[in-house]
């Protein structure tokens, strides 16, 4: 993905005004995808996920601004009700691994909700960190986009998301998830049908 530079403007960070016309921006490497966070094993000293978006921005950049960039990178995420989840991926020099730390979420089509105005400075972002920013569609939107009655989420993912987000939508999707898996078993292994209809 190509790099994107935010529009210059003056913003306030920790009581100080950042003049984007005069202050040099920093490079932020953001990794975004649909329906899942990138696996931590994909981050290493010599490797990163392939879905990279390079952004030149400032410490006063808000999650709202980052959400706009996610929408440009993933057209499906522009649908109302989509949740963008943000996490900072930083190296742990002592353990020689990368650690993930969630910093907030935004909802497309609901301005002012959740963590829209949270800045990179608020999240204690430092140069060299990565940002992992997947977009999660609402259940009924996902079913319209995907072919058939399948889902891109795994069962554990759906269970964890049901705790954090809309219970009704996610539990409905979990039912579709199980139905699709049973249907696949029936199609690939017809002998269970004999017992079911006996």
Protein backbone atom coordinates (compact mmCIF):
# COMPACT_ATOMS: atom_id res chain seq x y z
CA UNK A 1 0.00 0.00 0.00
CA UNK A 2 1.18 3.51 -0.77
CA UNK A 3 2.14 6.00 1.89
CA UNK A 4 -0.33 8.72 2.87
CA UNK A 5 0.38 12.04 4.51
CA UNK A 6 -2.24 13.72 6.68
CA UNK A 7 -3.41 17.21 5.77
CA UNK A 8 -1.36 19.84 7.66
CA UNK A 9 -3.17 21.62 10.48
CA UNK A 10 -2.53 22.81 14.01
CA UNK A 11 -3.71 20.56 16.83
CA UNK A 12 -3.23 20.49 20.59
CA UNK A 13 -1.33 17.66 22.27
CA UNK A 14 -0.86 17.58 26.02
CA UNK A 15 -1.59 21.31 26.21
CA UNK A 16 0.86 22.21 23.44
CA UNK A 17 0.00 23.22 19.89
CA UNK A 18 1.53 21.17 17.10
CA UNK A 19 2.05 23.23 13.95
CA UNK A 20 1.98 20.66 11.20
CA UNK A 21 3.31 23.20 8.70
CA UNK A 22 6.52 23.67 10.68
CA UNK A 23 7.05 20.38 12.51
CA UNK A 24 8.46 17.44 10.58
CA UNK A 25 6.10 14.44 10.55
CA UNK A 26 7.13 10.96 11.64
CA UNK A 27 6.70 7.70 9.76
CA UNK A 28 4.00 5.43 11.17
CA UNK A 29 3.77 1.89 9.82
CA UNK A 30 0.15 0.74 10.09
CA UNK A 31 -1.04 -2.78 9.26
CA UNK A 32 -4.71 -3.18 8.49
CA UNK A 33 -6.92 -6.03 7.37
CA UNK A 34 -10.52 -7.20 7.56
CA UNK A 35 -12.00 -9.19 10.44
CA UNK A 36 -8.81 -10.12 12.30
CA UNK A 37 -5.72 -8.78 13.97
CA UNK A 38 -2.44 -9.76 12.40
CA UNK A 39 -0.81 -12.67 14.21
CA UNK A 40 2.00 -11.67 16.54
CA UNK A 41 4.24 -14.27 14.87
CA UNK A 42 4.06 -12.13 11.70
CA UNK A 43 6.03 -9.38 13.45
CA UNK A 44 9.77 -9.83 13.79
CA UNK A 45 13.11 -8.08 13.48
CA UNK A 46 13.28 -8.85 9.77
CA UNK A 47 9.62 -9.43 8.88
CA UNK A 48 6.25 -7.68 9.07
CA UNK A 49 2.78 -8.47 7.68
CA UNK A 50 2.27 -7.73 3.99
CA UNK A 51 -0.77 -5.46 4.50
CA UNK A 52 1.28 -2.38 5.35
CA UNK A 53 0.19 1.24 5.05
CA UNK A 54 2.92 3.85 5.59
CA UNK A 55 1.72 7.16 7.00
CA UNK A 56 3.60 10.40 7.59
CA UNK A 57 1.85 12.09 10.50
CA UNK A 58 2.33 13.74 13.89
CA UNK A 59 1.93 12.77 17.54
CA UNK A 60 -1.38 14.66 17.62
CA UNK A 61 -2.86 12.33 15.01
CA UNK A 62 -6.18 10.98 16.34
CA UNK A 63 -7.75 7.55 15.92
CA UNK A 64 -10.42 9.32 13.85
CA UNK A 65 -7.74 10.32 11.34
CA UNK A 66 -6.30 6.81 11.28
CA UNK A 67 -9.81 5.46 10.72
CA UNK A 68 -10.12 7.56 7.55
CA UNK A 69 -6.94 5.93 6.25
CA UNK A 70 -8.24 2.45 7.07
CA UNK A 71 -11.41 3.28 5.10
CA UNK A 72 -9.28 4.25 2.09
CA UNK A 73 -7.27 1.04 2.30
CA UNK A 74 -10.24 -1.32 2.86
CA UNK A 75 -13.36 -0.29 0.87
CA UNK A 76 -15.58 -2.75 2.79
CA UNK A 77 -14.80 -0.95 6.04
CA UNK A 78 -16.63 2.19 4.88
CA UNK A 79 -19.97 0.64 5.82
CA UNK A 80 -21.77 2.20 8.75
CA UNK A 81 -21.31 0.30 11.99
CA UNK A 82 -17.87 -1.08 11.17
CA UNK A 83 -15.56 -1.11 14.19
CA UNK A 84 -11.88 -0.22 13.75
CA UNK A 85 -9.72 -1.58 16.56
CA UNK A 86 -6.27 -0.13 17.18
CA UNK A 87 -3.31 -1.72 18.93
CA UNK A 88 0.31 -0.66 19.28
CA UNK A 89 2.85 -3.35 18.42
CA UNK A 90 6.18 -2.67 20.10
CA UNK A 91 9.38 -4.68 20.57
CA UNK A 92 10.20 -6.22 23.93
CA UNK A 93 14.00 -6.13 23.91
CA UNK A 94 14.29 -8.28 27.02
CA UNK A 95 12.28 -11.17 25.57
CA UNK A 96 13.27 -10.50 21.94
CA UNK A 97 9.60 -10.54 20.87
CA UNK A 98 6.89 -8.05 19.97
CA UNK A 99 4.06 -7.16 22.33
CA UNK A 100 0.54 -5.92 21.52
CA UNK A 101 -1.25 -3.22 23.51
CA UNK A 102 -4.79 -2.13 22.63
CA UNK A 103 -5.24 1.64 22.54
CA UNK A 104 -8.85 2.15 21.45
CA UNK A 105 -11.61 1.67 18.89
CA UNK A 106 -13.78 3.76 16.59
CA UNK A 107 -17.12 3.07 14.90
CA UNK A 108 -17.75 4.12 11.29
CA UNK A 109 -20.77 6.40 10.97
CA UNK A 110 -20.88 7.28 14.67
CA UNK A 111 -18.71 10.40 15.09
CA UNK A 112 -17.67 11.23 18.61
CA UNK A 113 -18.10 7.67 19.81
CA UNK A 114 -15.59 5.60 21.76
CA UNK A 115 -11.99 6.77 21.24
CA UNK A 116 -12.27 9.05 18.17
CA UNK A 117 -10.29 11.89 19.73
CA UNK A 118 -7.55 9.82 21.33
CA UNK A 119 -4.14 10.78 19.93
CA UNK A 120 -0.95 8.83 19.37
CA UNK A 121 0.57 10.91 22.16
CA UNK A 122 -2.26 9.87 24.49
CA UNK A 123 -1.54 6.25 23.59
CA UNK A 124 2.18 6.69 24.38
CA UNK A 125 3.19 5.85 20.82
CA UNK A 126 6.92 6.11 20.18
CA UNK A 127 8.78 6.20 16.89
CA UNK A 128 9.54 2.63 15.87
CA UNK A 129 6.25 1.18 17.11
CA UNK A 130 3.79 -0.37 14.67
CA UNK A 131 0.01 0.03 14.67
CA UNK A 132 -2.27 -2.94 14.03
CA UNK A 133 -5.70 -1.71 12.88
CA UNK A 134 -8.20 -4.32 11.65
CA UNK A 135 -11.76 -3.45 10.64
CA UNK A 136 -14.61 -5.58 12.01
CA UNK A 137 -17.88 -5.50 10.06
CA UNK A 138 -21.27 -5.93 11.67
CA UNK A 139 -22.52 -9.52 11.32
CA UNK A 140 -25.24 -8.89 8.73
CA UNK A 141 -22.86 -6.77 6.60
CA UNK A 142 -20.27 -9.54 6.62
CA UNK A 143 -22.80 -12.09 5.40
CA UNK A 144 -23.73 -9.86 2.45
CA UNK A 145 -20.09 -9.47 1.41
CA UNK A 146 -18.93 -13.06 1.79
CA UNK A 147 -20.13 -15.72 -0.62
CA UNK A 148 -22.41 -18.37 0.86
CA UNK A 149 -23.13 -18.66 4.59
CA UNK A 150 -19.55 -18.64 5.79
CA UNK A 151 -17.58 -16.32 8.02
CA UNK A 152 -13.95 -15.22 8.08
CA UNK A 153 -13.84 -15.37 11.89
CA UNK A 154 -12.88 -18.42 13.91
CA UNK A 155 -15.15 -19.71 16.69
CA UNK A 156 -12.82 -18.48 19.51
CA UNK A 157 -12.65 -15.05 17.83
CA UNK A 158 -16.44 -14.82 17.76
CA UNK A 159 -16.70 -15.90 21.38
CA UNK A 160 -14.24 -13.24 22.53
CA UNK A 161 -15.89 -10.56 20.43
CA UNK A 162 -19.30 -11.43 21.88
CA UNK A 163 -17.94 -10.34 25.24
CA UNK A 164 -16.69 -7.01 23.90
CA UNK A 165 -19.20 -5.97 21.23
CA UNK A 166 -22.84 -6.46 20.26
CA UNK A 167 -24.03 -9.76 21.77
CA UNK A 168 -27.00 -10.21 19.44
CA UNK A 169 -25.03 -9.77 16.21
CA UNK A 170 -22.12 -11.95 17.27
CA UNK A 171 -24.22 -14.79 18.72
CA UNK A 172 -26.23 -14.82 15.50
CA UNK A 173 -22.99 -15.16 13.55
CA UNK A 174 -21.81 -17.97 15.82
CA UNK A 175 -24.97 -19.89 14.90
CA UNK A 176 -24.27 -19.34 11.20
CA UNK A 177 -20.66 -20.39 11.78
CA UNK A 178 -21.72 -23.75 13.26
CA UNK A 179 -24.41 -24.27 10.61
CA UNK A 180 -21.88 -23.68 7.82
CA UNK A 181 -19.39 -26.11 9.36
CA UNK A 182 -22.07 -28.83 9.72
CA UNK A 183 -23.14 -28.27 6.12
CA UNK A 184 -19.55 -28.67 4.93
CA UNK A 185 -19.23 -31.96 6.82
CA UNK A 186 -22.44 -33.25 5.24
CA UNK A 187 -21.22 -32.35 1.76
CA UNK A 188 -17.77 -33.89 2.11
CA UNK A 189 -18.82 -36.95 4.14
CA UNK A 190 -22.35 -38.09 3.17
CA UNK A 191 -22.50 -41.14 5.46
CA UNK A 192 -23.65 -39.17 8.56
CA UNK A 193 -26.86 -38.40 6.69
CA UNK A 194 -27.74 -42.10 6.74
CA UNK A 195 -27.71 -42.15 10.53
CA UNK A 196 -29.48 -38.82 10.87
CA UNK A 197 -32.38 -39.96 8.69
CA UNK A 198 -32.50 -43.55 9.92
